[in-house]
């Protein structure tokens, strides 16, 4: 080791400065390549990952904000589907319909003399279910009955209405015999 120091002391001062500058440059290059550059690359990678995660968080927040709107739309569509299924069910449900119509007739004071289901008529997306009815009651009772039938949630059309008096004379309390064809519908899923 002494020999190395003696050789270094024998070198002129100008060359010592050049060797010192070269050693410092070597240390700087080693630091740059070995320490600074890997840390810089890792920092850049972490910043890119952080930006990517932030974009993902922003996207999820937009989805979360839309979730409330989507759930509200889903609830509205479910309610609309329920109403549509009440208006146009998949099954004929004639006993239930009979009970409702009979209940409406009793509510307004009419008596149902005949209620007969005719053959179903298939259409492209639905099936018509015609029902013949004969009712007896006053004019007000008949009008109220048709009004209530028209306001039912299930679609019911009343056609071919024939009205005749059951008793002679023009008394306002007279009863009417009404025959009509009520048609309800059911959905025809093919």
C-alpha atoms as a PDB file:
ATOM      1  CA  UNK A   1       0.000   0.000   0.000  1.00  0.00           C
ATOM      2  CA  UNK A   2       2.912   2.325   0.731  1.00  0.00           C
ATOM      3  CA  UNK A   3       4.227   1.690  -2.690  1.00  0.00           C
ATOM      4  CA  UNK A   4       0.913   2.861  -4.221  1.00  0.00           C
ATOM      5  CA  UNK A   5       1.012   6.049  -2.148  1.00  0.00           C
ATOM      6  CA  UNK A   6       4.617   6.687  -3.151  1.00  0.00           C
ATOM      7  CA  UNK A   7       3.762   6.260  -6.819  1.00  0.00           C
ATOM      8  CA  UNK A   8       0.791   8.620  -6.438  1.00  0.00           C
ATOM      9  CA  UNK A   9       3.004  11.250  -4.740  1.00  0.00           C
ATOM     10  CA  UNK A  10       5.495  10.963  -7.611  1.00  0.00           C
ATOM     11  CA  UNK A  11       2.809  11.921 -10.152  1.00  0.00           C
ATOM     12  CA  UNK A  12       2.790  15.624 -11.041  1.00  0.00           C
ATOM     13  CA  UNK A  13       0.005  17.793  -9.657  1.00  0.00           C
ATOM     14  CA  UNK A  14      -1.720  18.376 -13.030  1.00  0.00           C
ATOM     15  CA  UNK A  15      -2.058  14.638 -13.610  1.00  0.00           C
ATOM     16  CA  UNK A  16      -3.335  14.166 -10.055  1.00  0.00           C
ATOM     17  CA  UNK A  17      -6.103  16.653 -10.803  1.00  0.00           C
ATOM     18  CA  UNK A  18      -6.998  14.825 -14.025  1.00  0.00           C
ATOM     19  CA  UNK A  19      -7.112  11.486 -12.162  1.00  0.00           C
ATOM     20  CA  UNK A  20      -9.262  13.063  -9.443  1.00  0.00           C
ATOM     21  CA  UNK A  21     -11.662  14.531 -12.034  1.00  0.00           C
ATOM     22  CA  UNK A  22     -11.844  11.147 -13.796  1.00  0.00           C
ATOM     23  CA  UNK A  23     -12.563   9.373 -10.483  1.00  0.00           C
ATOM     24  CA  UNK A  24     -15.291  11.904  -9.694  1.00  0.00           C
ATOM     25  CA  UNK A  25     -16.774  11.431 -13.174  1.00  0.00           C
ATOM     26  CA  UNK A  26     -16.683   7.654 -12.653  1.00  0.00           C
ATOM     27  CA  UNK A  27     -18.434   7.995  -9.278  1.00  0.00           C
ATOM     28  CA  UNK A  28     -21.044  10.326 -10.839  1.00  0.00           C
ATOM     29  CA  UNK A  29     -21.686   7.945 -13.763  1.00  0.00           C
ATOM     30  CA  UNK A  30     -21.909   4.985 -11.347  1.00  0.00           C
ATOM     31  CA  UNK A  31     -24.339   6.900  -9.123  1.00  0.00           C
ATOM     32  CA  UNK A  32     -26.418   7.962 -12.132  1.00  0.00           C
ATOM     33  CA  UNK A  33     -26.598   4.465 -13.627  1.00  0.00           C
ATOM     34  CA  UNK A  34     -26.779   2.494 -10.384  1.00  0.00           C
ATOM     35  CA  UNK A  35     -28.975   4.677  -8.168  1.00  0.00           C
ATOM     36  CA  UNK A  36     -30.600   7.703  -9.818  1.00  0.00           C
ATOM     37  CA  UNK A  37     -31.829   6.125 -13.053  1.00  0.00           C
ATOM     38  CA  UNK A  38     -33.547   3.084 -11.384  1.00  0.00           C
ATOM     39  CA  UNK A  39     -35.226   5.353  -8.819  1.00  0.00           C
ATOM     40  CA  UNK A  40     -36.406   7.688 -11.607  1.00  0.00           C
ATOM     41  CA  UNK A  41     -37.810   4.758 -13.633  1.00  0.00           C
ATOM     42  CA  UNK A  42     -39.538   3.327 -10.563  1.00  0.00           C
ATOM     43  CA  UNK A  43     -40.995   6.749  -9.748  1.00  0.00           C
ATOM     44  CA  UNK A  44     -42.282   7.113 -13.328  1.00  0.00           C
ATOM     45  CA  UNK A  45     -43.815   3.601 -13.206  1.00  0.00           C
ATOM     46  CA  UNK A  46     -45.476   4.354  -9.867  1.00  0.00           C
ATOM     47  CA  UNK A  47     -46.843   7.669 -11.193  1.00  0.00           C
ATOM     48  CA  UNK A  48     -48.274   5.880 -14.254  1.00  0.00           C
ATOM     49  CA  UNK A  49     -49.841   3.242 -12.004  1.00  0.00           C
ATOM     50  CA  UNK A  50     -51.248   5.951  -9.724  1.00  0.00           C
ATOM     51  CA  UNK A  51     -52.739   7.746 -12.753  1.00  0.00           C
ATOM     52  CA  UNK A  52     -54.205   4.465 -14.008  1.00  0.00           C
ATOM     53  CA  UNK A  53     -55.715   3.726 -10.594  1.00  0.00           C
ATOM     54  CA  UNK A  54     -57.098   7.263 -10.394  1.00  0.00           C
ATOM     55  CA  UNK A  55     -58.769   6.826 -13.801  1.00  0.00           C
ATOM     56  CA  UNK A  56     -60.237   3.533 -12.566  1.00  0.00           C
ATOM     57  CA  UNK A  57     -61.488   5.211  -9.374  1.00  0.00           C
ATOM     58  CA  UNK A  58     -63.062   8.004 -11.452  1.00  0.00           C
ATOM     59  CA  UNK A  59     -64.733   5.422 -13.685  1.00  0.00           C
ATOM     60  CA  UNK A  60     -66.088   3.526 -10.677  1.00  0.00           C
ATOM     61  CA  UNK A  61     -67.380   6.762  -9.157  1.00  0.00           C
ATOM     62  CA  UNK A  62     -69.225   7.539 -12.403  1.00  0.00           C
ATOM     63  CA  UNK A  63     -70.706   4.028 -12.333  1.00  0.00           C
ATOM     64  CA  UNK A  64     -71.699   4.501  -8.695  1.00  0.00           C
ATOM     65  CA  UNK A  65     -73.313   7.845  -9.522  1.00  0.00           C
ATOM     66  CA  UNK A  66     -75.221   6.185 -12.364  1.00  0.00           C
ATOM     67  CA  UNK A  67     -76.182   3.230 -10.161  1.00  0.00           C
ATOM     68  CA  UNK A  68     -78.862   5.258  -8.390  1.00  0.00           C
ATOM     69  CA  UNK A  69     -80.301   6.390 -11.704  1.00  0.00           C
ATOM     70  CA  UNK A  70     -80.168   2.857 -13.145  1.00  0.00           C
ATOM     71  CA  UNK A  71     -81.866   1.405 -10.047  1.00  0.00           C
ATOM     72  CA  UNK A  72     -84.585   4.064 -10.245  1.00  0.00           C
ATOM     73  CA  UNK A  73     -85.125   3.254 -13.932  1.00  0.00           C
ATOM     74  CA  UNK A  74     -85.227  -0.462 -13.095  1.00  0.00           C
ATOM     75  CA  UNK A  75     -87.875   0.157 -10.412  1.00  0.00           C
ATOM     76  CA  UNK A  76     -89.940   2.224 -12.843  1.00  0.00           C
ATOM     77  CA  UNK A  77     -89.679  -0.467 -15.528  1.00  0.00           C
ATOM     78  CA  UNK A  78     -90.650  -3.146 -13.001  1.00  0.00           C
ATOM     79  CA  UNK A  79     -93.725  -1.135 -12.021  1.00  0.00           C
ATOM     80  CA  UNK A  80     -94.631  -0.609 -15.676  1.00  0.00           C
ATOM     81  CA  UNK A  81     -94.218  -4.346 -16.320  1.00  0.00           C
ATOM     82  CA  UNK A  82     -96.506  -5.134 -13.390  1.00  0.00           C
ATOM     83  CA  UNK A  83     -99.166  -2.779 -14.766  1.00  0.00           C
ATOM     84  CA  UNK A  84     -98.770  -4.252 -18.257  1.00  0.00           C
ATOM     85  CA  UNK A  85     -99.111  -7.776 -16.853  1.00  0.00           C
ATOM     86  CA  UNK A  86    -102.308  -6.731 -15.064  1.00  0.00           C
ATOM     87  CA  UNK A  87    -103.676  -5.244 -18.275  1.00  0.00           C
ATOM     88  CA  UNK A  88    -102.584  -8.134 -20.498  1.00  0.00           C
ATOM     89  CA  UNK A  89    -101.856 -11.239 -18.392  1.00  0.00           C
ATOM     90  CA  UNK A  90    -100.388 -14.467 -19.776  1.00  0.00           C
ATOM     91  CA  UNK A  91    -103.331 -16.581 -18.547  1.00  0.00           C
ATOM     92  CA  UNK A  92    -107.003 -16.024 -19.210  1.00  0.00           C
ATOM     93  CA  UNK A  93    -107.822 -15.751 -15.476  1.00  0.00           C
ATOM     94  CA  UNK A  94    -111.538 -15.800 -16.294  1.00  0.00           C
ATOM     95  CA  UNK A  95    -112.673 -16.809 -12.760  1.00  0.00           C
ATOM     96  CA  UNK A  96    -110.879 -13.781 -11.337  1.00  0.00           C
ATOM     97  CA  UNK A  97    -112.339 -11.565 -14.065  1.00  0.00           C
ATOM     98  CA  UNK A  98    -115.824 -12.972 -13.391  1.00  0.00           C
ATOM     99  CA  UNK A  99    -115.481 -12.159  -9.708  1.00  0.00           C
ATOM    100  CA  UNK A 100    -114.411  -8.606 -10.479  1.00  0.00           C
ATOM    101  CA  UNK A 101    -117.206  -7.992 -12.994  1.00  0.00           C
ATOM    102  CA  UNK A 102    -119.767  -9.651 -10.735  1.00  0.00           C
ATOM    103  CA  UNK A 103    -118.501  -7.505  -7.854  1.00  0.00           C
ATOM    104  CA  UNK A 104    -118.855  -4.366  -9.986  1.00  0.00           C
ATOM    105  CA  UNK A 105    -122.389  -5.402 -10.964  1.00  0.00           C
ATOM    106  CA  UNK A 106    -123.361  -5.968  -7.307  1.00  0.00           C
ATOM    107  CA  UNK A 107    -121.768  -2.679  -6.290  1.00  0.00           C
ATOM    108  CA  UNK A 108    -123.953  -0.710  -8.694  1.00  0.00           C
ATOM    109  CA  UNK A 109    -127.068  -2.877  -8.108  1.00  0.00           C
ATOM    110  CA  UNK A 110    -127.203  -4.823 -11.402  1.00  0.00           C
ATOM    111  CA  UNK A 111    -128.026  -8.484 -11.668  1.00  0.00           C
ATOM    112  CA  UNK A 112    -126.121 -10.661 -14.117  1.00  0.00           C
ATOM    113  CA  UNK A 113    -128.535 -13.010 -15.875  1.00  0.00           C
ATOM    114  CA  UNK A 114    -125.994 -14.688 -18.132  1.00  0.00           C
ATOM    115  CA  UNK A 115    -122.242 -14.715 -18.387  1.00  0.00           C
ATOM    116  CA  UNK A 116    -120.909 -17.117 -21.028  1.00  0.00           C
ATOM    117  CA  UNK A 117    -117.390 -17.417 -22.400  1.00  0.00           C
ATOM    118  CA  UNK A 118    -117.078 -17.897 -26.162  1.00  0.00           C
ATOM    119  CA  UNK A 119    -114.199 -19.459 -28.094  1.00  0.00           C
ATOM    120  CA  UNK A 120    -110.880 -17.632 -27.869  1.00  0.00           C
ATOM    121  CA  UNK A 121    -109.606 -15.813 -30.961  1.00  0.00           C
ATOM    122  CA  UNK A 122    -105.838 -15.933 -31.468  1.00  0.00           C
ATOM    123  CA  UNK A 123    -104.084 -12.891 -32.880  1.00  0.00           C
ATOM    124  CA  UNK A 124    -100.384 -12.394 -33.535  1.00  0.00           C
ATOM    125  CA  UNK A 125     -99.272 -11.301 -30.035  1.00  0.00           C
ATOM    126  CA  UNK A 126    -102.439 -11.709 -27.996  1.00  0.00           C
ATOM    127  CA  UNK A 127    -105.570 -13.812 -27.622  1.00  0.00           C
ATOM    128  CA  UNK A 128    -109.068 -12.291 -27.489  1.00  0.00           C
ATOM    129  CA  UNK A 129    -111.378 -13.824 -24.885  1.00  0.00           C
ATOM    130  CA  UNK A 130    -114.982 -12.882 -25.737  1.00  0.00           C
ATOM    131  CA  UNK A 131    -117.662 -13.177 -23.058  1.00  0.00           C
ATOM    132  CA  UNK A 132    -121.399 -12.684 -23.627  1.00  0.00           C
ATOM    133  CA  UNK A 133    -123.327 -11.076 -20.783  1.00  0.00           C
ATOM    134  CA  UNK A 134    -126.908 -10.217 -20.042  1.00  0.00           C
ATOM    135  CA  UNK A 135    -127.567  -7.659 -17.319  1.00  0.00           C
ATOM    136  CA  UNK A 136    -130.749  -6.322 -15.769  1.00  0.00           C
ATOM    137  CA  UNK A 137    -130.987  -2.996 -13.953  1.00  0.00           C
ATOM    138  CA  UNK A 138    -131.846   0.663 -14.203  1.00  0.00           C
ATOM    139  CA  UNK A 139    -130.213   3.031 -16.652  1.00  0.00           C
ATOM    140  CA  UNK A 140    -128.020   4.550 -13.921  1.00  0.00           C
ATOM    141  CA  UNK A 141    -126.902   1.100 -12.772  1.00  0.00           C
ATOM    142  CA  UNK A 142    -125.994   0.073 -16.313  1.00  0.00           C
ATOM    143  CA  UNK A 143    -124.053   3.285 -16.982  1.00  0.00           C
ATOM    144  CA  UNK A 144    -122.208   3.019 -13.661  1.00  0.00           C
ATOM    145  CA  UNK A 145    -121.393  -0.643 -14.363  1.00  0.00           C
ATOM    146  CA  UNK A 146    -119.867   0.162 -17.757  1.00  0.00           C
ATOM    147  CA  UNK A 147    -117.986   3.074 -16.220  1.00  0.00           C
ATOM    148  CA  UNK A 148    -116.441   0.819 -13.549  1.00  0.00           C
ATOM    149  CA  UNK A 149    -115.630  -1.919 -16.078  1.00  0.00           C
ATOM    150  CA  UNK A 150    -113.875   0.666 -18.225  1.00  0.00           C
ATOM    151  CA  UNK A 151    -111.747   1.721 -15.252  1.00  0.00           C
ATOM    152  CA  UNK A 152    -110.521  -1.802 -14.429  1.00  0.00           C
ATOM    153  CA  UNK A 153    -106.786  -2.380 -14.685  1.00  0.00           C
ATOM    154  CA  UNK A 154    -107.360  -5.336 -16.975  1.00  0.00           C
ATOM    155  CA  UNK A 155    -108.226  -4.398 -20.551  1.00  0.00           C
ATOM    156  CA  UNK A 156    -111.923  -5.082 -21.154  1.00  0.00           C
ATOM    157  CA  UNK A 157    -113.754  -3.796 -24.228  1.00  0.00           C
ATOM    158  CA  UNK A 158    -117.551  -3.906 -24.333  1.00  0.00           C
ATOM    159  CA  UNK A 159    -119.191  -4.115 -27.776  1.00  0.00           C
ATOM    160  CA  UNK A 160    -122.424  -5.084 -29.426  1.00  0.00           C
ATOM    161  CA  UNK A 161    -124.536  -3.528 -26.700  1.00  0.00           C
ATOM    162  CA  UNK A 162    -128.258  -4.123 -27.045  1.00  0.00           C
ATOM    163  CA  UNK A 163    -130.615  -2.365 -24.626  1.00  0.00           C
ATOM    164  CA  UNK A 164    -134.338  -3.082 -24.266  1.00  0.00           C
ATOM    165  CA  UNK A 165    -136.930  -2.232 -21.636  1.00  0.00           C
ATOM    166  CA  UNK A 166    -138.203  -5.080 -19.519  1.00  0.00           C
ATOM    167  CA  UNK A 167    -141.480  -3.417 -18.614  1.00  0.00           C
ATOM    168  CA  UNK A 168    -143.840  -1.317 -20.657  1.00  0.00           C
ATOM    169  CA  UNK A 169    -144.211   2.403 -20.289  1.00  0.00           C
ATOM    170  CA  UNK A 170    -141.754   5.238 -19.983  1.00  0.00           C
ATOM    171  CA  UNK A 171    -141.334   5.323 -16.233  1.00  0.00           C
ATOM    172  CA  UNK A 172    -137.910   6.620 -15.145  1.00  0.00           C
ATOM    173  CA  UNK A 173    -137.632   3.777 -12.625  1.00  0.00           C
ATOM    174  CA  UNK A 174    -138.028   1.113 -15.335  1.00  0.00           C
ATOM    175  CA  UNK A 175    -135.517  -1.663 -15.689  1.00  0.00           C
ATOM    176  CA  UNK A 176    -133.417  -2.394 -18.730  1.00  0.00           C
ATOM    177  CA  UNK A 177    -132.209  -5.708 -20.113  1.00  0.00           C
ATOM    178  CA  UNK A 178    -128.762  -5.230 -21.601  1.00  0.00           C
ATOM    179  CA  UNK A 179    -126.918  -7.802 -23.660  1.00  0.00           C
ATOM    180  CA  UNK A 180    -123.325  -7.107 -24.623  1.00  0.00           C
ATOM    181  CA  UNK A 181    -120.101  -8.796 -25.575  1.00  0.00           C
ATOM    182  CA  UNK A 182    -117.180  -8.036 -23.312  1.00  0.00           C
ATOM    183  CA  UNK A 183    -113.769  -8.885 -24.699  1.00  0.00           C
ATOM    184  CA  UNK A 184    -110.691  -9.215 -22.579  1.00  0.00           C
ATOM    185  CA  UNK A 185    -107.232 -10.182 -23.704  1.00  0.00           C
ATOM    186  CA  UNK A 186    -104.253 -12.214 -22.667  1.00  0.00           C
ATOM    187  CA  UNK A 187    -100.706 -12.094 -23.939  1.00  0.00           C
ATOM    188  CA  UNK A 188     -99.742 -14.839 -26.368  1.00  0.00           C
ATOM    189  CA  UNK A 189     -96.050 -15.650 -25.782  1.00  0.00           C
ATOM    190  CA  UNK A 190     -94.897 -17.652 -28.763  1.00  0.00           C
END
